[in-house]
Amino acid sequence: MHEEEVKVRIGTQVIPKRDSFKYLGYIIQGNGEIDKDVTHRIGARWMRWRLASGVLCDKNVPPGLKGKFYKVVVRPTMLYGAECWPVKKSHVQKIKVVEMRMLRWMCGHTRKKRD
């Protein structure tokens, strides 16, 4: 029997086949890739950033304190579960881009402000 022919049922209800699903905070893909999970973790990091941006973007907060707060609150949100990822260079690049955007924003430097 081919994989497409197998139908999973609970009682009389047929459960549709999915390419990916969320399980314990991870996005599991049927093809073994982690692209959707990396994207999901980046989104979670931006959500944490938005919640903490009042402190991280405040000019009255010393940069050292901002850095510690970032390392303790924002970065772990992105890296949660990353120790299990079969990482590709493209994933590392995406994570680096997000981190640099956040750090520049935190320091008050934008790409428009090139001196």
PDB file of N, CA and C in Angstrom:
ATOM      1  N   MET A   1       0.833  -1.184   0.000  1.00  0.00           N
ATOM      2  CA  MET A   1       0.000   0.000   0.000  1.00  0.00           C
ATOM      3  C   MET A   1       0.878   1.247   0.000  1.00  0.00           C
ATOM      4  N   HIS A   2       0.568   2.219  -0.844  1.00  0.00           N
ATOM      5  CA  HIS A   2       1.319   3.468  -0.909  1.00  0.00           C
ATOM      6  C   HIS A   2       0.922   4.384   0.236  1.00  0.00           C
ATOM      7  N   GLU A   3       1.820   5.303   0.563  1.00  0.00           N
ATOM      8  CA  GLU A   3       1.590   6.216   1.686  1.00  0.00           C
ATOM      9  C   GLU A   3       0.335   7.065   1.479  1.00  0.00           C
ATOM     10  N   GLU A   4       0.057   7.489   0.233  1.00  0.00           N
ATOM     11  CA  GLU A   4      -1.110   8.322  -0.043  1.00  0.00           C
ATOM     12  C   GLU A   4      -2.426   7.574   0.195  1.00  0.00           C
ATOM     13  N   GLU A   5      -2.390   6.262   0.119  1.00  0.00           N
ATOM     14  CA  GLU A   5      -3.609   5.474   0.252  1.00  0.00           C
ATOM     15  C   GLU A   5      -3.997   5.230   1.711  1.00  0.00           C
ATOM     16  N   VAL A   6      -3.067   5.417   2.634  1.00  0.00           N
ATOM     17  CA  VAL A   6      -3.349   5.170   4.045  1.00  0.00           C
ATOM     18  C   VAL A   6      -4.191   6.306   4.601  1.00  0.00           C
ATOM     19  N   LYS A   7      -5.307   5.954   5.242  1.00  0.00           N
ATOM     20  CA  LYS A   7      -6.177   6.955   5.856  1.00  0.00           C
ATOM     21  C   LYS A   7      -6.268   6.666   7.341  1.00  0.00           C
ATOM     22  N   VAL A   8      -5.971   7.675   8.128  1.00  0.00           N
ATOM     23  CA  VAL A   8      -6.046   7.548   9.577  1.00  0.00           C
ATOM     24  C   VAL A   8      -7.441   7.966  10.004  1.00  0.00           C
ATOM     25  N   ARG A   9      -8.059   7.138  10.832  1.00  0.00           N
ATOM     26  CA  ARG A   9      -9.427   7.414  11.284  1.00  0.00           C
ATOM     27  C   ARG A   9      -9.510   7.378  12.804  1.00  0.00           C
ATOM     28  N   ILE A  10     -10.336   8.240  13.320  1.00  0.00           N
ATOM     29  CA  ILE A  10     -10.741   8.171  14.722  1.00  0.00           C
ATOM     30  C   ILE A  10     -12.253   7.995  14.676  1.00  0.00           C
ATOM     31  N   GLY A  11     -12.676   6.799  14.981  1.00  0.00           N
ATOM     32  CA  GLY A  11     -14.095   6.460  14.799  1.00  0.00           C
ATOM     33  C   GLY A  11     -14.395   6.473  13.318  1.00  0.00           C
ATOM     34  N   THR A  12     -15.324   7.319  12.906  1.00  0.00           N
ATOM     35  CA  THR A  12     -15.672   7.429  11.489  1.00  0.00           C
ATOM     36  C   THR A  12     -15.021   8.641  10.827  1.00  0.00           C
ATOM     37  N   GLN A  13     -14.363   9.473  11.629  1.00  0.00           N
ATOM     38  CA  GLN A  13     -13.750  10.694  11.091  1.00  0.00           C
ATOM     39  C   GLN A  13     -12.368  10.402  10.514  1.00  0.00           C
ATOM     40  N   VAL A  14     -12.147  10.814   9.273  1.00  0.00           N
ATOM     41  CA  VAL A  14     -10.850  10.660   8.619  1.00  0.00           C
ATOM     42  C   VAL A  14     -10.006  11.886   8.972  1.00  0.00           C
ATOM     43  N   ILE A  15      -8.795  11.621   9.473  1.00  0.00           N
ATOM     44  CA  ILE A  15      -7.870  12.694   9.832  1.00  0.00           C
ATOM     45  C   ILE A  15      -7.066  13.054   8.592  1.00  0.00           C
ATOM     46  N   PRO A  16      -7.122  14.327   8.153  1.00  0.00           N
ATOM     47  CA  PRO A  16      -6.388  14.700   6.928  1.00  0.00           C
ATOM     48  C   PRO A  16      -4.876  14.699   7.148  1.00  0.00           C
ATOM     49  N   LYS A  17      -4.141  14.373   6.088  1.00  0.00           N
ATOM     50  CA  LYS A  17      -2.687  14.365   6.144  1.00  0.00           C
ATOM     51  C   LYS A  17      -2.188  15.806   6.088  1.00  0.00           C
ATOM     52  N   ARG A  18      -1.182  16.110   6.906  1.00  0.00           N
ATOM     53  CA  ARG A  18      -0.608  17.455   6.966  1.00  0.00           C
ATOM     54  C   ARG A  18       0.867  17.390   6.604  1.00  0.00           C
ATOM     55  N   ASP A  19       1.369  18.452   6.004  1.00  0.00           N
ATOM     56  CA  ASP A  19       2.801  18.539   5.698  1.00  0.00           C
ATOM     57  C   ASP A  19       3.601  18.935   6.938  1.00  0.00           C
ATOM     58  N   SER A  20       2.941  19.672   7.864  1.00  0.00           N
ATOM     59  CA  SER A  20       3.610  20.089   9.097  1.00  0.00           C
ATOM     60  C   SER A  20       2.559  20.258  10.189  1.00  0.00           C
ATOM     61  N   PHE A  21       3.023  20.189  11.441  1.00  0.00           N
ATOM     62  CA  PHE A  21       2.126  20.410  12.567  1.00  0.00           C
ATOM     63  C   PHE A  21       2.933  20.904  13.754  1.00  0.00           C
ATOM     64  N   LYS A  22       2.237  21.522  14.701  1.00  0.00           N
ATOM     65  CA  LYS A  22       2.895  22.063  15.888  1.00  0.00           C
ATOM     66  C   LYS A  22       2.768  21.049  17.018  1.00  0.00           C
ATOM     67  N   TYR A  23       3.900  20.749  17.657  1.00  0.00           N
ATOM     68  CA  TYR A  23       3.923  19.803  18.757  1.00  0.00           C
ATOM     69  C   TYR A  23       4.888  20.307  19.820  1.00  0.00           C
ATOM     70  N   LEU A  24       4.398  20.560  21.007  1.00  0.00           N
ATOM     71  CA  LEU A  24       5.200  21.046  22.135  1.00  0.00           C
ATOM     72  C   LEU A  24       6.031  22.277  21.776  1.00  0.00           C
ATOM     73  N   GLY A  25       5.438  23.184  21.000  1.00  0.00           N
ATOM     74  CA  GLY A  25       6.120  24.420  20.639  1.00  0.00           C
ATOM     75  C   GLY A  25       7.000  24.329  19.418  1.00  0.00           C
ATOM     76  N   TYR A  26       7.166  23.158  18.841  1.00  0.00           N
ATOM     77  CA  TYR A  26       7.992  22.972  17.654  1.00  0.00           C
ATOM     78  C   TYR A  26       7.093  22.803  16.436  1.00  0.00           C
ATOM     79  N   ILE A  27       7.584  23.204  15.273  1.00  0.00           N
ATOM     80  CA  ILE A  27       6.895  22.922  14.018  1.00  0.00           C
ATOM     81  C   ILE A  27       7.576  21.701  13.415  1.00  0.00           C
ATOM     82  N   ILE A  28       6.861  20.604  13.349  1.00  0.00           N
ATOM     83  CA  ILE A  28       7.391  19.355  12.808  1.00  0.00           C
ATOM     84  C   ILE A  28       6.973  19.268  11.344  1.00  0.00           C
ATOM     85  N   GLN A  29       7.946  19.100  10.465  1.00  0.00           N
ATOM     86  CA  GLN A  29       7.669  18.966   9.043  1.00  0.00           C
ATOM     87  C   GLN A  29       7.866  17.519   8.613  1.00  0.00           C
ATOM     88  N   GLY A  30       7.015  17.049   7.739  1.00  0.00           N
ATOM     89  CA  GLY A  30       7.077  15.678   7.268  1.00  0.00           C
ATOM     90  C   GLY A  30       8.327  15.359   6.478  1.00  0.00           C
ATOM     91  N   ASN A  31       8.935  16.365   5.858  1.00  0.00           N
ATOM     92  CA  ASN A  31      10.129  16.135   5.046  1.00  0.00           C
ATOM     93  C   ASN A  31      11.424  16.208   5.858  1.00  0.00           C
ATOM     94  N   GLY A  32      11.323  16.437   7.175  1.00  0.00           N
ATOM     95  CA  GLY A  32      12.504  16.465   8.036  1.00  0.00           C
ATOM     96  C   GLY A  32      13.231  17.801   8.080  1.00  0.00           C
ATOM     97  N   GLU A  33      12.759  18.779   7.340  1.00  0.00           N
ATOM     98  CA  GLU A  33      13.387  20.101   7.332  1.00  0.00           C
ATOM     99  C   GLU A  33      12.958  20.894   8.568  1.00  0.00           C
ATOM    100  N   ILE A  34      13.651  22.008   8.811  1.00  0.00           N
ATOM    101  CA  ILE A  34      13.331  22.828   9.980  1.00  0.00           C
ATOM    102  C   ILE A  34      13.001  24.266   9.597  1.00  0.00           C
ATOM    103  N   ASP A  35      12.814  24.541   8.323  1.00  0.00           N
ATOM    104  CA  ASP A  35      12.574  25.906   7.863  1.00  0.00           C
ATOM    105  C   ASP A  35      11.388  26.560   8.578  1.00  0.00           C
ATOM    106  N   LYS A  36      10.294  25.859   8.701  1.00  0.00           N
ATOM    107  CA  LYS A  36       9.110  26.434   9.351  1.00  0.00           C
ATOM    108  C   LYS A  36       9.350  26.643  10.843  1.00  0.00           C
ATOM    109  N   ASP A  37      10.119  25.779  11.475  1.00  0.00           N
ATOM    110  CA  ASP A  37      10.410  25.942  12.899  1.00  0.00           C
ATOM    111  C   ASP A  37      11.326  27.136  13.123  1.00  0.00           C
ATOM    112  N   VAL A  38      12.314  27.329  12.251  1.00  0.00           N
ATOM    113  CA  VAL A  38      13.203  28.492  12.362  1.00  0.00           C
ATOM    114  C   VAL A  38      12.385  29.772  12.201  1.00  0.00           C
ATOM    115  N   THR A  39      11.511  29.803  11.215  1.00  0.00           N
ATOM    116  CA  THR A  39      10.655  30.968  10.991  1.00  0.00           C
ATOM    117  C   THR A  39       9.744  31.209  12.199  1.00  0.00           C
ATOM    118  N   HIS A  40       9.214  30.148  12.757  1.00  0.00           N
ATOM    119  CA  HIS A  40       8.352  30.259  13.943  1.00  0.00           C
ATOM    120  C   HIS A  40       9.131  30.823  15.129  1.00  0.00           C
ATOM    121  N   ARG A  41      10.340  30.347  15.352  1.00  0.00           N
ATOM    122  CA  ARG A  41      11.184  30.824  16.460  1.00  0.00           C
ATOM    123  C   ARG A  41      11.568  32.288  16.262  1.00  0.00           C
ATOM    124  N   ILE A  42      11.829  32.694  15.019  1.00  0.00           N
ATOM    125  CA  ILE A  42      12.131  34.097  14.734  1.00  0.00           C
ATOM    126  C   ILE A  42      10.918  34.963  15.064  1.00  0.00           C
ATOM    127  N   GLY A  43       9.735  34.488  14.712  1.00  0.00           N
ATOM    128  CA  GLY A  43       8.509  35.210  15.049  1.00  0.00           C
ATOM    129  C   GLY A  43       8.310  35.319  16.550  1.00  0.00           C
ATOM    130  N   ALA A  44       8.616  34.240  17.265  1.00  0.00           N
ATOM    131  CA  ALA A  44       8.502  34.259  18.729  1.00  0.00           C
ATOM    132  C   ALA A  44       9.485  35.254  19.325  1.00  0.00           C
ATOM    133  N   ARG A  45      10.663  35.344  18.720  1.00  0.00           N
ATOM    134  CA  ARG A  45      11.661  36.295  19.206  1.00  0.00           C
ATOM    135  C   ARG A  45      11.180  37.725  19.001  1.00  0.00           C
ATOM    136  N   TRP A  46      10.570  38.008  17.850  1.00  0.00           N
ATOM    137  CA  TRP A  46      10.039  39.360  17.617  1.00  0.00           C
ATOM    138  C   TRP A  46       8.905  39.675  18.589  1.00  0.00           C
ATOM    139  N   MET A  47       8.099  38.688  18.923  1.00  0.00           N
ATOM    140  CA  MET A  47       7.033  38.913  19.913  1.00  0.00           C
ATOM    141  C   MET A  47       7.630  39.279  21.262  1.00  0.00           C
ATOM    142  N   ARG A  48       8.666  38.578  21.683  1.00  0.00           N
ATOM    143  CA  ARG A  48       9.342  38.870  22.946  1.00  0.00           C
ATOM    144  C   ARG A  48       9.999  40.245  22.871  1.00  0.00           C
ATOM    145  N   TRP A  49      10.567  40.573  21.712  1.00  0.00           N
ATOM    146  CA  TRP A  49      11.196  41.882  21.497  1.00  0.00           C
ATOM    147  C   TRP A  49      10.158  42.992  21.688  1.00  0.00           C
ATOM    148  N   ARG A  50       8.986  42.812  21.091  1.00  0.00           N
ATOM    149  CA  ARG A  50       7.949  43.842  21.196  1.00  0.00           C
ATOM    150  C   ARG A  50       7.527  44.055  22.647  1.00  0.00           C
ATOM    151  N   LEU A  51       7.439  42.974  23.389  1.00  0.00           N
ATOM    152  CA  LEU A  51       7.072  43.098  24.803  1.00  0.00           C
ATOM    153  C   LEU A  51       8.158  43.809  25.603  1.00  0.00           C
ATOM    154  N   ALA A  52       9.417  43.622  25.223  1.00  0.00           N
ATOM    155  CA  ALA A  52      10.537  44.194  25.976  1.00  0.00           C
ATOM    156  C   ALA A  52      11.057  45.492  25.378  1.00  0.00           C
ATOM    157  N   SER A  53      10.486  45.952  24.270  1.00  0.00           N
ATOM    158  CA  SER A  53      11.042  47.119  23.582  1.00  0.00           C
ATOM    159  C   SER A  53      10.980  48.392  24.424  1.00  0.00           C
ATOM    160  N   GLY A  54      10.070  48.479  25.358  1.00  0.00           N
ATOM    161  CA  GLY A  54      10.018  49.643  26.240  1.00  0.00           C
ATOM    162  C   GLY A  54      11.308  49.818  27.014  1.00  0.00           C
ATOM    163  N   VAL A  55      11.896  48.717  27.442  1.00  0.00           N
ATOM    164  CA  VAL A  55      13.169  48.760  28.173  1.00  0.00           C
ATOM    165  C   VAL A  55      14.332  48.818  27.194  1.00  0.00           C
ATOM    166  N   LEU A  56      14.298  48.000  26.158  1.00  0.00           N
ATOM    167  CA  LEU A  56      15.426  47.880  25.243  1.00  0.00           C
ATOM    168  C   LEU A  56      15.657  49.122  24.385  1.00  0.00           C
ATOM    169  N   CYS A  57      14.620  49.898  24.135  1.00  0.00           N
ATOM    170  CA  CYS A  57      14.762  51.089  23.292  1.00  0.00           C
ATOM    171  C   CYS A  57      14.777  52.384  24.104  1.00  0.00           C
ATOM    172  N   ASP A  58      14.712  52.285  25.426  1.00  0.00           N
ATOM    173  CA  ASP A  58      14.727  53.461  26.294  1.00  0.00           C
ATOM    174  C   ASP A  58      16.139  54.040  26.352  1.00  0.00           C
ATOM    175  N   LYS A  59      16.286  55.303  25.989  1.00  0.00           N
ATOM    176  CA  LYS A  59      17.610  55.939  25.969  1.00  0.00           C
ATOM    177  C   LYS A  59      18.161  56.165  27.380  1.00  0.00           C
ATOM    178  N   ASN A  60      17.321  56.097  28.401  1.00  0.00           N
ATOM    179  CA  ASN A  60      17.769  56.297  29.781  1.00  0.00           C
ATOM    180  C   ASN A  60      18.334  55.028  30.408  1.00  0.00           C
ATOM    181  N   VAL A  61      18.130  53.887  29.762  1.00  0.00           N
ATOM    182  CA  VAL A  61      18.640  52.615  30.282  1.00  0.00           C
ATOM    183  C   VAL A  61      20.062  52.436  29.749  1.00  0.00           C
ATOM    184  N   PRO A  62      21.038  52.159  30.630  1.00  0.00           N
ATOM    185  CA  PRO A  62      22.423  51.983  30.173  1.00  0.00           C
ATOM    186  C   PRO A  62      22.564  50.806  29.203  1.00  0.00           C
ATOM    187  N   PRO A  63      23.440  50.946  28.199  1.00  0.00           N
ATOM    188  CA  PRO A  63      23.622  49.882  27.193  1.00  0.00           C
ATOM    189  C   PRO A  63      24.001  48.528  27.804  1.00  0.00           C
ATOM    190  N   GLY A  64      24.798  48.526  28.862  1.00  0.00           N
ATOM    191  CA  GLY A  64      25.175  47.260  29.499  1.00  0.00           C
ATOM    192  C   GLY A  64      23.974  46.524  30.067  1.00  0.00           C
ATOM    193  N   LEU A  65      23.062  47.260  30.675  1.00  0.00           N
ATOM    194  CA  LEU A  65      21.846  46.663  31.224  1.00  0.00           C
ATOM    195  C   LEU A  65      20.936  46.160  30.107  1.00  0.00           C
ATOM    196  N   LYS A  66      20.856  46.935  29.031  1.00  0.00           N
ATOM    197  CA  LYS A  66      20.065  46.491  27.875  1.00  0.00           C
ATOM    198  C   LYS A  66      20.605  45.170  27.328  1.00  0.00           C
ATOM    199  N   GLY A  67      21.940  45.074  27.230  1.00  0.00           N
ATOM    200  CA  GLY A  67      22.566  43.861  26.713  1.00  0.00           C
ATOM    201  C   GLY A  67      22.272  42.647  27.575  1.00  0.00           C
ATOM    202  N   LYS A  68      22.369  42.822  28.890  1.00  0.00           N
ATOM    203  CA  LYS A  68      22.064  41.712  29.806  1.00  0.00           C
ATOM    204  C   LYS A  68      20.605  41.301  29.691  1.00  0.00           C
ATOM    205  N   PHE A  69      19.721  42.289  29.636  1.00  0.00           N
ATOM    206  CA  PHE A  69      18.288  42.011  29.514  1.00  0.00           C
ATOM    207  C   PHE A  69      18.001  41.264  28.211  1.00  0.00           C
ATOM    208  N   TYR A  70      18.636  41.701  27.132  1.00  0.00           N
ATOM    209  CA  TYR A  70      18.465  41.053  25.827  1.00  0.00           C
ATOM    210  C   TYR A  70      18.911  39.588  25.883  1.00  0.00           C
ATOM    211  N   LYS A  71      20.086  39.359  26.490  1.00  0.00           N
ATOM    212  CA  LYS A  71      20.626  38.000  26.571  1.00  0.00           C
ATOM    213  C   LYS A  71      19.761  37.077  27.421  1.00  0.00           C
ATOM    214  N   VAL A  72      19.109  37.627  28.431  1.00  0.00           N
ATOM    215  CA  VAL A  72      18.321  36.801  29.354  1.00  0.00           C
ATOM    216  C   VAL A  72      16.883  36.614  28.876  1.00  0.00           C
ATOM    217  N   VAL A  73      16.310  37.626  28.219  1.00  0.00           N
ATOM    218  CA  VAL A  73      14.888  37.576  27.870  1.00  0.00           C
ATOM    219  C   VAL A  73      14.637  37.268  26.396  1.00  0.00           C
ATOM    220  N   VAL A  74      15.314  37.970  25.497  1.00  0.00           N
ATOM    221  CA  VAL A  74      14.982  37.875  24.071  1.00  0.00           C
ATOM    222  C   VAL A  74      15.682  36.707  23.387  1.00  0.00           C
ATOM    223  N   ARG A  75      16.997  36.601  23.535  1.00  0.00           N
ATOM    224  CA  ARG A  75      17.764  35.560  22.829  1.00  0.00           C
ATOM    225  C   ARG A  75      17.299  34.142  23.153  1.00  0.00           C
ATOM    226  N   PRO A  76      17.032  33.778  24.417  1.00  0.00           N
ATOM    227  CA  PRO A  76      16.581  32.407  24.695  1.00  0.00           C
ATOM    228  C   PRO A  76      15.270  32.036  23.999  1.00  0.00           C
ATOM    229  N   THR A  77      14.419  33.037  23.740  1.00  0.00           N
ATOM    230  CA  THR A  77      13.170  32.762  23.031  1.00  0.00           C
ATOM    231  C   THR A  77      13.454  32.231  21.635  1.00  0.00           C
ATOM    232  N   MET A  78      14.470  32.780  20.991  1.00  0.00           N
ATOM    233  CA  MET A  78      14.841  32.335  19.643  1.00  0.00           C
ATOM    234  C   MET A  78      15.496  30.967  19.665  1.00  0.00           C
ATOM    235  N   LEU A  79      16.339  30.744  20.644  1.00  0.00           N
ATOM    236  CA  LEU A  79      17.151  29.532  20.640  1.00  0.00           C
ATOM    237  C   LEU A  79      16.502  28.344  21.349  1.00  0.00           C
ATOM    238  N   TYR A  80      15.290  28.518  21.853  1.00  0.00           N
ATOM    239  CA  TYR A  80      14.601  27.418  22.522  1.00  0.00           C
ATOM    240  C   TYR A  80      14.456  26.241  21.564  1.00  0.00           C
ATOM    241  N   GLY A  81      15.021  25.131  21.911  1.00  0.00           N
ATOM    242  CA  GLY A  81      14.926  23.926  21.090  1.00  0.00           C
ATOM    243  C   GLY A  81      15.929  23.852  19.953  1.00  0.00           C
ATOM    244  N   ALA A  82      16.762  24.877  19.785  1.00  0.00           N
ATOM    245  CA  ALA A  82      17.696  24.904  18.655  1.00  0.00           C
ATOM    246  C   ALA A  82      18.788  23.849  18.759  1.00  0.00           C
ATOM    247  N   GLU A  83      19.022  23.313  19.941  1.00  0.00           N
ATOM    248  CA  GLU A  83      20.068  22.292  20.081  1.00  0.00           C
ATOM    249  C   GLU A  83      19.712  21.010  19.331  1.00  0.00           C
ATOM    250  N   CYS A  84      18.466  20.857  18.940  1.00  0.00           N
ATOM    251  CA  CYS A  84      18.017  19.665  18.209  1.00  0.00           C
ATOM    252  C   CYS A  84      17.926  19.908  16.698  1.00  0.00           C
ATOM    253  N   TRP A  85      18.198  21.119  16.256  1.00  0.00           N
ATOM    254  CA  TRP A  85      18.057  21.451  14.843  1.00  0.00           C
ATOM    255  C   TRP A  85      19.217  20.942  13.998  1.00  0.00           C
ATOM    256  N   PRO A  86      18.932  20.352  12.846  1.00  0.00           N
ATOM    257  CA  PRO A  86      19.996  20.095  11.866  1.00  0.00           C
ATOM    258  C   PRO A  86      20.177  21.370  11.032  1.00  0.00           C
ATOM    259  N   VAL A  87      20.998  22.287  11.512  1.00  0.00           N
ATOM    260  CA  VAL A  87      21.077  23.649  10.993  1.00  0.00           C
ATOM    261  C   VAL A  87      21.837  23.722   9.669  1.00  0.00           C
ATOM    262  N   LYS A  88      21.330  24.578   8.779  1.00  0.00           N
ATOM    263  CA  LYS A  88      21.987  24.886   7.510  1.00  0.00           C
ATOM    264  C   LYS A  88      22.536  26.307   7.597  1.00  0.00           C
ATOM    265  N   LYS A  89      23.417  26.646   6.692  1.00  0.00           N
ATOM    266  CA  LYS A  89      23.984  28.001   6.666  1.00  0.00           C
ATOM    267  C   LYS A  89      22.890  29.056   6.481  1.00  0.00           C
ATOM    268  N   SER A  90      21.876  28.738   5.705  1.00  0.00           N
ATOM    269  CA  SER A  90      20.793  29.707   5.476  1.00  0.00           C
ATOM    270  C   SER A  90      20.035  30.002   6.768  1.00  0.00           C
ATOM    271  N   HIS A  91      19.881  28.996   7.635  1.00  0.00           N
ATOM    272  CA  HIS A  91      19.213  29.213   8.922  1.00  0.00           C
ATOM    273  C   HIS A  91      20.051  30.112   9.828  1.00  0.00           C
ATOM    274  N   VAL A  92      21.343  29.839   9.871  1.00  0.00           N
ATOM    275  CA  VAL A  92      22.256  30.658  10.688  1.00  0.00           C
ATOM    276  C   VAL A  92      22.225  32.098  10.201  1.00  0.00           C
ATOM    277  N   GLN A  93      22.215  32.281   8.887  1.00  0.00           N
ATOM    278  CA  GLN A  93      22.181  33.631   8.316  1.00  0.00           C
ATOM    279  C   GLN A  93      20.896  34.362   8.706  1.00  0.00           C
ATOM    280  N   LYS A  94      19.756  33.684   8.633  1.00  0.00           N
ATOM    281  CA  LYS A  94      18.485  34.303   9.033  1.00  0.00           C
ATOM    282  C   LYS A  94      18.534  34.757  10.488  1.00  0.00           C
ATOM    283  N   ILE A  95      19.068  33.910  11.351  1.00  0.00           N
ATOM    284  CA  ILE A  95      19.145  34.223  12.781  1.00  0.00           C
ATOM    285  C   ILE A  95      20.082  35.410  13.012  1.00  0.00           C
ATOM    286  N   LYS A  96      21.206  35.442  12.302  1.00  0.00           N
ATOM    287  CA  LYS A  96      22.150  36.552  12.447  1.00  0.00           C
ATOM    288  C   LYS A  96      21.523  37.873  11.994  1.00  0.00           C
ATOM    289  N   VAL A  97      20.785  37.836  10.903  1.00  0.00           N
ATOM    290  CA  VAL A  97      20.138  39.045  10.390  1.00  0.00           C
ATOM    291  C   VAL A  97      19.154  39.594  11.412  1.00  0.00           C
ATOM    292  N   VAL A  98      18.341  38.715  11.983  1.00  0.00           N
ATOM    293  CA  VAL A  98      17.365  39.143  12.986  1.00  0.00           C
ATOM    294  C   VAL A  98      18.075  39.728  14.204  1.00  0.00           C
ATOM    295  N   GLU A  99      19.118  39.057  14.660  1.00  0.00           N
ATOM    296  CA  GLU A  99      19.835  39.540  15.835  1.00  0.00           C
ATOM    297  C   GLU A  99      20.458  40.910  15.581  1.00  0.00           C
ATOM    298  N   MET A 100      21.076  41.099  14.416  1.00  0.00           N
ATOM    299  CA  MET A 100      21.686  42.399  14.115  1.00  0.00           C
ATOM    300  C   MET A 100      20.640  43.504  14.027  1.00  0.00           C
ATOM    301  N   ARG A 101      19.487  43.209  13.449  1.00  0.00           N
ATOM    302  CA  ARG A 101      18.415  44.211  13.388  1.00  0.00           C
ATOM    303  C   ARG A 101      17.993  44.627  14.782  1.00  0.00           C
ATOM    304  N   MET A 102      17.840  43.656  15.662  1.00  0.00           N
ATOM    305  CA  MET A 102      17.420  43.960  17.031  1.00  0.00           C
ATOM    306  C   MET A 102      18.484  44.747  17.783  1.00  0.00           C
ATOM    307  N   LEU A 103      19.736  44.348  17.639  1.00  0.00           N
ATOM    308  CA  LEU A 103      20.813  45.036  18.350  1.00  0.00           C
ATOM    309  C   LEU A 103      20.986  46.467  17.835  1.00  0.00           C
ATOM    310  N   ARG A 104      20.896  46.655  16.525  1.00  0.00           N
ATOM    311  CA  ARG A 104      20.983  48.019  15.972  1.00  0.00           C
ATOM    312  C   ARG A 104      19.852  48.883  16.499  1.00  0.00           C
ATOM    313  N   TRP A 105      18.655  48.328  16.506  1.00  0.00           N
ATOM    314  CA  TRP A 105      17.478  49.051  16.971  1.00  0.00           C
ATOM    315  C   TRP A 105      17.635  49.400  18.452  1.00  0.00           C
ATOM    316  N   MET A 106      18.139  48.453  19.224  1.00  0.00           N
ATOM    317  CA  MET A 106      18.334  48.637  20.652  1.00  0.00           C
ATOM    318  C   MET A 106      19.328  49.775  20.931  1.00  0.00           C
ATOM    319  N   CYS A 107      20.345  49.892  20.082  1.00  0.00           N
ATOM    320  CA  CYS A 107      21.370  50.929  20.257  1.00  0.00           C
ATOM    321  C   CYS A 107      20.973  52.256  19.625  1.00  0.00           C
ATOM    322  N   GLY A 108      19.829  52.285  18.948  1.00  0.00           N
ATOM    323  CA  GLY A 108      19.370  53.518  18.327  1.00  0.00           C
ATOM    324  C   GLY A 108      19.929  53.762  16.945  1.00  0.00           C
ATOM    325  N   HIS A 109      20.551  52.757  16.332  1.00  0.00           N
ATOM    326  CA  HIS A 109      21.101  52.884  14.980  1.00  0.00           C
ATOM    327  C   HIS A 109      20.164  52.185  14.001  1.00  0.00           C
ATOM    328  N   THR A 110      19.809  52.913  12.970  1.00  0.00           N
ATOM    329  CA  THR A 110      19.012  52.288  11.921  1.00  0.00           C
ATOM    330  C   THR A 110      19.833  52.302  10.642  1.00  0.00           C
ATOM    331  N   ARG A 111      19.408  51.565   9.671  1.00  0.00           N
ATOM    332  CA  ARG A 111      20.134  51.523   8.396  1.00  0.00           C
ATOM    333  C   ARG A 111      20.008  52.855   7.675  1.00  0.00           C
ATOM    334  N   LYS A 112      18.965  53.625   7.993  1.00  0.00           N
ATOM    335  CA  LYS A 112      18.790  54.940   7.378  1.00  0.00           C
ATOM    336  C   LYS A 112      19.787  55.949   7.940  1.00  0.00           C
ATOM    337  N   LYS A 113      20.246  55.727   9.181  1.00  0.00           N
ATOM    338  CA  LYS A 113      21.153  56.652   9.842  1.00  0.00           C
ATOM    339  C   LYS A 113      22.614  56.280   9.564  1.00  0.00           C
ATOM    340  N   ARG A 114      23.022  56.333   8.339  1.00  0.00           N
ATOM    341  CA  ARG A 114      24.421  56.040   8.018  1.00  0.00           C
ATOM    342  C   ARG A 114      25.190  57.343   7.984  1.00  0.00           C
ATOM    343  N   ASP A 115      26.123  57.494   8.929  1.00  0.00           N
ATOM    344  CA  ASP A 115      26.894  58.744   9.023  1.00  0.00           C
ATOM    345  C   ASP A 115      28.183  58.669   8.267  1.00  0.00           C
TER     346      ASP A 115
END
